[in-house]
Amino acid sequence: MPPTTLAEPAADAGLADPEELGSDLLLIDGANARVVHSGDHDAMRRGRWAAARLIVIARTPSGPAVCTPGTMVPEDDENTEH
């Protein structure tokens, strides 16, 4: 049975504060709605990038995460500096 919230896979992955992360990841729903409503297909790319940053932060044991070489983030953001 698939998860009913994004908090469930976050908890299964052992990420910090899965309930809060799952709530924050609702930005994916917002990005999808923007694509459907206005045809802004770039919204999904921006949403995926934001979600990746939230997951990196949730994986960091203490303090804010820093995007470093080798960090797994979406590769289609041409404005990303690592």
C-alpha atoms as a PDB file:
ATOM      1  CA  MET A   1       0.000   0.000   0.000  1.00  0.00           C
ATOM      2  CA  PRO A   2       1.497   3.388  -0.981  1.00  0.00           C
ATOM      3  CA  PRO A   3       2.181   5.997   1.709  1.00  0.00           C
ATOM      4  CA  THR A   4      -0.652   8.412   2.415  1.00  0.00           C
ATOM      5  CA  THR A   5       1.613  11.333   3.306  1.00  0.00           C
ATOM      6  CA  LEU A   6       5.123  12.406   2.423  1.00  0.00           C
ATOM      7  CA  ALA A   7       6.024  12.058   6.113  1.00  0.00           C
ATOM      8  CA  GLU A   8       5.869   8.263   5.858  1.00  0.00           C
ATOM      9  CA  PRO A   9       8.723   7.844   3.340  1.00  0.00           C
ATOM     10  CA  ALA A  10      10.716  10.505   5.247  1.00  0.00           C
ATOM     11  CA  ALA A  11      10.327   8.468   8.446  1.00  0.00           C
ATOM     12  CA  ASP A  12      11.202   5.242   6.625  1.00  0.00           C
ATOM     13  CA  ALA A  13      14.401   6.909   5.367  1.00  0.00           C
ATOM     14  CA  GLY A  14      15.301   7.956   8.906  1.00  0.00           C
ATOM     15  CA  LEU A  15      15.215  11.665   8.105  1.00  0.00           C
ATOM     16  CA  ALA A  16      15.038  14.241  10.890  1.00  0.00           C
ATOM     17  CA  ASP A  17      11.531  15.408  11.864  1.00  0.00           C
ATOM     18  CA  PRO A  18       9.610  13.480   9.184  1.00  0.00           C
ATOM     19  CA  GLU A  19       6.254  15.094  10.015  1.00  0.00           C
ATOM     20  CA  GLU A  20       7.602  18.609   9.445  1.00  0.00           C
ATOM     21  CA  LEU A  21       9.531  17.526   6.359  1.00  0.00           C
ATOM     22  CA  GLY A  22       6.441  15.818   4.959  1.00  0.00           C
ATOM     23  CA  SER A  23       4.484  19.029   5.455  1.00  0.00           C
ATOM     24  CA  ASP A  24       7.232  21.112   3.843  1.00  0.00           C
ATOM     25  CA  LEU A  25       7.295  18.771   0.855  1.00  0.00           C
ATOM     26  CA  LEU A  26       3.719  19.763   0.048  1.00  0.00           C
ATOM     27  CA  LEU A  27       5.445  22.331  -2.147  1.00  0.00           C
ATOM     28  CA  ILE A  28       5.412  19.531  -4.741  1.00  0.00           C
ATOM     29  CA  ASP A  29       1.603  19.741  -4.800  1.00  0.00           C
ATOM     30  CA  GLY A  30       1.852  23.507  -5.242  1.00  0.00           C
ATOM     31  CA  ALA A  31       4.302  23.165  -8.099  1.00  0.00           C
ATOM     32  CA  ASN A  32       2.050  20.617  -9.800  1.00  0.00           C
ATOM     33  CA  ALA A  33      -0.973  22.883  -9.368  1.00  0.00           C
ATOM     34  CA  ARG A  34       0.964  25.736 -10.936  1.00  0.00           C
ATOM     35  CA  VAL A  35       1.810  23.576 -13.953  1.00  0.00           C
ATOM     36  CA  VAL A  36      -1.834  22.566 -14.370  1.00  0.00           C
ATOM     37  CA  HIS A  37      -3.284  26.024 -13.732  1.00  0.00           C
ATOM     38  CA  SER A  38      -0.866  28.276 -15.620  1.00  0.00           C
ATOM     39  CA  GLY A  39       1.267  25.931 -17.691  1.00  0.00           C
ATOM     40  CA  ASP A  40       4.400  27.013 -15.801  1.00  0.00           C
ATOM     41  CA  HIS A  41       6.440  23.845 -16.356  1.00  0.00           C
ATOM     42  CA  ASP A  42       9.454  25.488 -14.748  1.00  0.00           C
ATOM     43  CA  ALA A  43       7.563  25.374 -11.426  1.00  0.00           C
ATOM     44  CA  MET A  44       8.104  21.622 -11.154  1.00  0.00           C
ATOM     45  CA  ARG A  45      11.862  22.023 -11.666  1.00  0.00           C
ATOM     46  CA  ARG A  46      11.980  24.719  -8.981  1.00  0.00           C
ATOM     47  CA  GLY A  47       9.837  22.577  -6.673  1.00  0.00           C
ATOM     48  CA  ARG A  48      12.080  19.560  -7.172  1.00  0.00           C
ATOM     49  CA  TRP A  49      15.167  21.681  -6.412  1.00  0.00           C
ATOM     50  CA  ALA A  50      13.560  23.068  -3.234  1.00  0.00           C
ATOM     51  CA  ALA A  51      12.517  19.565  -2.150  1.00  0.00           C
ATOM     52  CA  ALA A  52      16.070  18.295  -2.681  1.00  0.00           C
ATOM     53  CA  ARG A  53      17.435  21.080  -0.473  1.00  0.00           C
ATOM     54  CA  LEU A  54      14.922  20.238   2.268  1.00  0.00           C
ATOM     55  CA  ILE A  55      15.941  16.585   2.146  1.00  0.00           C
ATOM     56  CA  VAL A  56      19.657  17.488   2.323  1.00  0.00           C
ATOM     57  CA  ILE A  57      18.914  19.613   5.391  1.00  0.00           C
ATOM     58  CA  ALA A  58      16.920  16.764   6.976  1.00  0.00           C
ATOM     59  CA  ARG A  59      19.886  14.416   6.429  1.00  0.00           C
ATOM     60  CA  THR A  60      22.352  16.781   8.110  1.00  0.00           C
ATOM     61  CA  PRO A  61      22.840  15.728  11.746  1.00  0.00           C
ATOM     62  CA  SER A  62      23.463  19.257  13.046  1.00  0.00           C
ATOM     63  CA  GLY A  63      23.227  22.714  11.607  1.00  0.00           C
ATOM     64  CA  PRO A  64      22.162  23.795   8.155  1.00  0.00           C
ATOM     65  CA  ALA A  65      23.249  21.799   5.158  1.00  0.00           C
ATOM     66  CA  VAL A  66      25.673  23.229   2.662  1.00  0.00           C
ATOM     67  CA  CYS A  67      25.503  22.271  -0.985  1.00  0.00           C
ATOM     68  CA  THR A  68      28.908  20.716  -1.631  1.00  0.00           C
ATOM     69  CA  PRO A  69      30.359  18.819  -4.572  1.00  0.00           C
ATOM     70  CA  GLY A  70      28.803  15.387  -4.748  1.00  0.00           C
ATOM     71  CA  THR A  71      25.552  16.432  -3.047  1.00  0.00           C
ATOM     72  CA  MET A  72      22.637  14.705  -4.738  1.00  0.00           C
ATOM     73  CA  VAL A  73      20.411  17.421  -6.132  1.00  0.00           C
ATOM     74  CA  PRO A  74      18.469  17.704  -9.401  1.00  0.00           C
ATOM     75  CA  GLU A  75      20.915  18.300 -12.238  1.00  0.00           C
ATOM     76  CA  ASP A  76      18.641  20.332 -14.482  1.00  0.00           C
ATOM     77  CA  ASP A  77      19.015  23.627 -12.620  1.00  0.00           C
ATOM     78  CA  GLU A  78      21.471  25.576 -14.719  1.00  0.00           C
ATOM     79  CA  ASN A  79      21.688  28.300 -12.047  1.00  0.00           C
ATOM     80  CA  THR A  80      22.949  25.909  -9.366  1.00  0.00           C
ATOM     81  CA  GLU A  81      26.448  26.371  -8.035  1.00  0.00           C
ATOM     82  CA  HIS A  82      28.055  23.578  -6.059  1.00  0.00           C
END
